[in-house]
Structures are given as structure tokens and as C-alpha cells.
């Protein structure tokens, strides 16, 4: 079985980036001039990092090192078929 060292590093990096983005959103929401369009962009950025972290979990280090633009786009999308809705 291939060790997925780089994969874990990328997942950790993306989790940290998502957390930082969410902290920025918290701070921004205290500003009454922070608008919905800014919130949308900021949340999309946080989602991107979480989606990417989840979607690459089974990828090899080699696949991550040589990924295409199409791979990047696919890994950045919300994993709709894999995540359950909470109600």
C-alpha cells in the first residue's frame, strides 16, 4: 500500500485554510458593512477547502502531484452523493 504523506499534508493544509476563512467570516460579520455578496464569496472559499480535503482523501500522492485542471475542479466540488443532509 502506498504511503499517502503528501495527501495528508494537503488535507491538513486545506482544513487549516477553511478554519482561517471561517474565522475571517466571523470577524467580518461584526462589521455592519459586510454584505451578503462578500459572505457568499467567503463561504465559497471555505467550502472549496473542505470539499478539496474530502475529495482527495483516496488519491495517491502521485495523482496529487500530477493533477490536471479538470482534477482540481472535480476535487473542489461539493461531494453531493457522499454527504448526508442534516435536518
N, C-alpha and C. Protein backbone atom coordinates (compact mmCIF):
# COMPACT_ATOMS: atom_id res chain seq x y z
N UNK A 1 0.84 -1.18 0.00
CA UNK A 1 0.00 0.00 0.00
C UNK A 1 0.89 1.25 0.00
N UNK A 2 0.57 2.18 -0.85
CA UNK A 2 1.35 3.42 -0.96
C UNK A 2 1.11 4.31 0.25
N UNK A 3 2.17 4.86 0.78
CA UNK A 3 2.03 5.85 1.85
C UNK A 3 1.53 7.14 1.22
N UNK A 4 0.60 7.75 1.87
CA UNK A 4 -0.01 8.97 1.34
C UNK A 4 0.39 10.16 2.20
N UNK A 5 1.68 10.43 2.25
CA UNK A 5 2.20 11.51 3.07
C UNK A 5 1.74 12.85 2.53
N UNK A 6 1.93 13.06 1.25
CA UNK A 6 1.56 14.35 0.63
C UNK A 6 0.05 14.58 0.74
N UNK A 7 -0.70 13.51 0.57
CA UNK A 7 -2.16 13.61 0.66
C UNK A 7 -2.56 14.16 2.03
N UNK A 8 -2.00 13.61 3.10
CA UNK A 8 -2.31 14.07 4.45
C UNK A 8 -1.90 15.53 4.64
N UNK A 9 -0.77 15.90 4.11
CA UNK A 9 -0.31 17.29 4.21
C UNK A 9 -1.31 18.23 3.53
N UNK A 10 -1.77 17.84 2.36
CA UNK A 10 -2.72 18.68 1.61
C UNK A 10 -4.06 18.76 2.35
N UNK A 11 -4.51 17.64 2.91
CA UNK A 11 -5.76 17.66 3.67
C UNK A 11 -5.62 18.58 4.88
N UNK A 12 -4.54 18.45 5.62
CA UNK A 12 -4.32 19.32 6.78
C UNK A 12 -4.25 20.78 6.38
N UNK A 13 -3.57 21.06 5.30
CA UNK A 13 -3.44 22.44 4.82
C UNK A 13 -4.82 23.01 4.46
N UNK A 14 -5.64 22.22 3.81
CA UNK A 14 -6.97 22.70 3.41
C UNK A 14 -7.91 22.85 4.60
N UNK A 15 -7.79 22.00 5.59
CA UNK A 15 -8.60 22.16 6.81
C UNK A 15 -8.21 23.46 7.51
N UNK A 16 -6.91 23.72 7.59
CA UNK A 16 -6.42 24.95 8.22
C UNK A 16 -6.91 26.18 7.44
N UNK A 17 -6.85 26.11 6.12
CA UNK A 17 -7.32 27.23 5.29
C UNK A 17 -8.82 27.48 5.49
N UNK A 18 -9.60 26.40 5.56
CA UNK A 18 -11.05 26.55 5.78
C UNK A 18 -11.30 27.18 7.14
N UNK A 19 -10.59 26.72 8.17
CA UNK A 19 -10.76 27.28 9.51
C UNK A 19 -10.41 28.77 9.52
N UNK A 20 -9.31 29.13 8.88
CA UNK A 20 -8.92 30.55 8.81
C UNK A 20 -9.99 31.38 8.10
N UNK A 21 -10.54 30.83 7.04
CA UNK A 21 -11.58 31.55 6.30
C UNK A 21 -12.82 31.74 7.17
N UNK A 22 -13.21 30.71 7.90
CA UNK A 22 -14.37 30.81 8.78
C UNK A 22 -14.13 31.83 9.89
N UNK A 23 -12.93 31.88 10.42
CA UNK A 23 -12.60 32.89 11.43
C UNK A 23 -12.69 34.30 10.85
N UNK A 24 -12.25 34.46 9.61
CA UNK A 24 -12.37 35.76 8.94
C UNK A 24 -13.83 36.14 8.74
N UNK A 25 -14.66 35.16 8.41
CA UNK A 25 -16.09 35.42 8.24
C UNK A 25 -16.69 35.88 9.57
N UNK A 26 -16.32 35.22 10.65
CA UNK A 26 -16.82 35.62 11.96
C UNK A 26 -16.48 37.08 12.26
N UNK A 27 -15.25 37.46 12.00
CA UNK A 27 -14.82 38.84 12.23
C UNK A 27 -15.57 39.80 11.31
N UNK A 28 -15.70 39.42 10.06
CA UNK A 28 -16.36 40.28 9.07
C UNK A 28 -17.82 40.52 9.41
N UNK A 29 -18.48 39.51 9.95
CA UNK A 29 -19.90 39.65 10.28
C UNK A 29 -20.15 40.67 11.38
N UNK A 30 -19.13 41.03 12.12
CA UNK A 30 -19.27 42.06 13.14
C UNK A 30 -19.32 43.46 12.54
N UNK A 31 -18.90 43.56 11.28
CA UNK A 31 -18.92 44.83 10.56
C UNK A 31 -20.26 44.97 9.84
N UNK A 32 -21.05 45.99 10.18
CA UNK A 32 -22.36 46.14 9.54
C UNK A 32 -22.29 46.38 8.03
N UNK A 33 -21.12 46.75 7.53
CA UNK A 33 -20.97 47.00 6.09
C UNK A 33 -20.63 45.73 5.30
N UNK A 34 -20.43 44.63 6.00
CA UNK A 34 -20.14 43.34 5.34
C UNK A 34 -21.42 42.89 4.66
N UNK A 35 -21.35 42.70 3.36
CA UNK A 35 -22.55 42.43 2.57
C UNK A 35 -22.70 40.95 2.22
N UNK A 36 -23.91 40.59 1.83
CA UNK A 36 -24.22 39.20 1.51
C UNK A 36 -23.34 38.66 0.39
N UNK A 37 -23.04 39.49 -0.61
CA UNK A 37 -22.20 39.01 -1.72
C UNK A 37 -20.79 38.66 -1.21
N UNK A 38 -20.30 39.42 -0.23
CA UNK A 38 -18.99 39.12 0.36
C UNK A 38 -19.06 37.82 1.16
N UNK A 39 -20.16 37.63 1.90
CA UNK A 39 -20.37 36.40 2.66
C UNK A 39 -20.38 35.20 1.71
N UNK A 40 -21.06 35.34 0.60
CA UNK A 40 -21.14 34.24 -0.37
C UNK A 40 -19.74 33.87 -0.87
N UNK A 41 -18.97 34.85 -1.26
CA UNK A 41 -17.62 34.58 -1.77
C UNK A 41 -16.76 33.92 -0.69
N UNK A 42 -16.85 34.45 0.52
CA UNK A 42 -16.05 33.91 1.62
C UNK A 42 -16.46 32.48 1.97
N UNK A 43 -17.76 32.21 1.99
CA UNK A 43 -18.22 30.85 2.26
C UNK A 43 -17.83 29.89 1.14
N UNK A 44 -17.90 30.35 -0.10
CA UNK A 44 -17.47 29.51 -1.22
C UNK A 44 -16.00 29.13 -1.06
N UNK A 45 -15.19 30.08 -0.60
CA UNK A 45 -13.77 29.81 -0.39
C UNK A 45 -13.58 28.75 0.70
N UNK A 46 -14.32 28.87 1.80
CA UNK A 46 -14.23 27.87 2.87
C UNK A 46 -14.70 26.50 2.38
N UNK A 47 -15.83 26.48 1.65
CA UNK A 47 -16.33 25.22 1.11
C UNK A 47 -15.32 24.57 0.17
N UNK A 48 -14.68 25.38 -0.66
CA UNK A 48 -13.68 24.84 -1.58
C UNK A 48 -12.65 24.02 -0.81
N UNK A 49 -12.12 24.60 0.26
CA UNK A 49 -11.07 23.90 1.01
C UNK A 49 -11.59 22.63 1.67
N UNK A 50 -12.80 22.66 2.21
CA UNK A 50 -13.37 21.46 2.82
C UNK A 50 -13.66 20.39 1.77
N UNK A 51 -14.23 20.82 0.64
CA UNK A 51 -14.52 19.87 -0.44
C UNK A 51 -13.24 19.22 -0.95
N UNK A 52 -12.23 20.03 -1.16
CA UNK A 52 -10.96 19.54 -1.68
C UNK A 52 -10.35 18.53 -0.71
N UNK A 53 -10.36 18.87 0.57
CA UNK A 53 -9.81 17.95 1.59
C UNK A 53 -10.53 16.60 1.55
N UNK A 54 -11.84 16.63 1.42
CA UNK A 54 -12.61 15.39 1.39
C UNK A 54 -12.38 14.61 0.09
N UNK A 55 -12.43 15.30 -1.02
CA UNK A 55 -12.38 14.64 -2.32
C UNK A 55 -11.02 14.04 -2.67
N UNK A 56 -9.96 14.51 -2.05
CA UNK A 56 -8.64 13.93 -2.37
C UNK A 56 -8.25 12.80 -1.41
N UNK A 57 -9.10 12.48 -0.46
CA UNK A 57 -8.73 11.53 0.60
C UNK A 57 -8.27 10.18 0.08
N UNK A 58 -8.75 9.77 -1.07
CA UNK A 58 -8.36 8.47 -1.62
C UNK A 58 -7.37 8.57 -2.77
N UNK A 59 -6.92 9.78 -3.06
CA UNK A 59 -5.98 9.97 -4.17
C UNK A 59 -4.55 9.66 -3.72
N UNK A 60 -3.77 9.13 -4.63
CA UNK A 60 -2.37 8.85 -4.32
C UNK A 60 -1.56 10.13 -4.37
N UNK A 61 -0.41 10.09 -3.73
CA UNK A 61 0.49 11.24 -3.79
C UNK A 61 0.87 11.53 -5.24
N UNK A 62 1.05 10.48 -6.03
CA UNK A 62 1.42 10.66 -7.45
C UNK A 62 0.31 11.39 -8.20
N UNK A 63 -0.95 11.01 -7.94
CA UNK A 63 -2.08 11.67 -8.61
C UNK A 63 -2.17 13.14 -8.20
N UNK A 64 -1.90 13.41 -6.93
CA UNK A 64 -1.94 14.78 -6.45
C UNK A 64 -0.82 15.62 -7.05
N UNK A 65 0.32 15.01 -7.25
CA UNK A 65 1.48 15.74 -7.79
C UNK A 65 1.31 16.05 -9.27
N UNK A 66 0.55 15.25 -9.98
CA UNK A 66 0.43 15.42 -11.43
C UNK A 66 -0.99 15.76 -11.87
N UNK A 67 -1.80 16.28 -10.96
CA UNK A 67 -3.21 16.53 -11.27
C UNK A 67 -3.39 17.54 -12.39
N UNK A 68 -4.50 17.39 -13.08
CA UNK A 68 -4.85 18.30 -14.17
C UNK A 68 -5.79 19.39 -13.64
N UNK A 69 -6.07 20.36 -14.47
CA UNK A 69 -7.04 21.39 -14.11
C UNK A 69 -8.42 20.77 -13.88
N UNK A 70 -8.74 19.74 -14.66
CA UNK A 70 -10.02 19.06 -14.51
C UNK A 70 -10.09 18.34 -13.17
N UNK A 71 -8.98 17.71 -12.74
CA UNK A 71 -8.95 17.06 -11.43
C UNK A 71 -9.19 18.10 -10.33
N UNK A 72 -8.48 19.23 -10.43
CA UNK A 72 -8.61 20.28 -9.43
C UNK A 72 -10.06 20.75 -9.34
N UNK A 73 -10.69 20.96 -10.47
CA UNK A 73 -12.09 21.39 -10.49
C UNK A 73 -13.00 20.33 -9.88
N UNK A 74 -12.77 19.08 -10.21
CA UNK A 74 -13.59 17.98 -9.68
C UNK A 74 -13.41 17.86 -8.17
N UNK A 75 -12.17 17.94 -7.72
CA UNK A 75 -11.90 17.81 -6.29
C UNK A 75 -12.44 18.99 -5.49
N UNK A 76 -12.68 20.11 -6.13
CA UNK A 76 -13.17 21.31 -5.45
C UNK A 76 -14.69 21.34 -5.29
N UNK A 77 -15.38 20.44 -5.96
CA UNK A 77 -16.84 20.44 -5.94
C UNK A 77 -17.38 19.75 -4.69
N UNK A 78 -18.56 20.20 -4.27
CA UNK A 78 -19.22 19.58 -3.13
C UNK A 78 -19.55 18.12 -3.46
N UNK A 79 -19.21 17.20 -2.57
CA UNK A 79 -19.45 15.77 -2.83
C UNK A 79 -20.90 15.37 -2.53
N UNK A 80 -21.82 15.87 -3.34
CA UNK A 80 -23.25 15.73 -3.07
C UNK A 80 -23.69 14.30 -2.85
N UNK A 81 -23.20 13.36 -3.60
CA UNK A 81 -23.63 11.98 -3.46
C UNK A 81 -23.07 11.28 -2.24
N UNK A 82 -22.10 11.90 -1.59
CA UNK A 82 -21.44 11.25 -0.46
C UNK A 82 -21.81 11.84 0.89
N UNK A 83 -22.33 13.04 0.89
CA UNK A 83 -22.65 13.72 2.15
C UNK A 83 -24.15 13.63 2.39
N UNK A 84 -24.50 13.47 3.66
CA UNK A 84 -25.90 13.36 4.04
C UNK A 84 -26.39 14.71 4.55
N UNK A 85 -27.64 14.96 4.27
CA UNK A 85 -28.26 16.21 4.71
C UNK A 85 -28.71 16.05 6.16
N UNK A 86 -28.43 17.05 6.95
CA UNK A 86 -28.90 17.04 8.33
C UNK A 86 -30.19 17.83 8.43
N UNK A 87 -31.15 17.28 9.15
CA UNK A 87 -32.40 18.03 9.31
C UNK A 87 -32.79 18.11 10.76
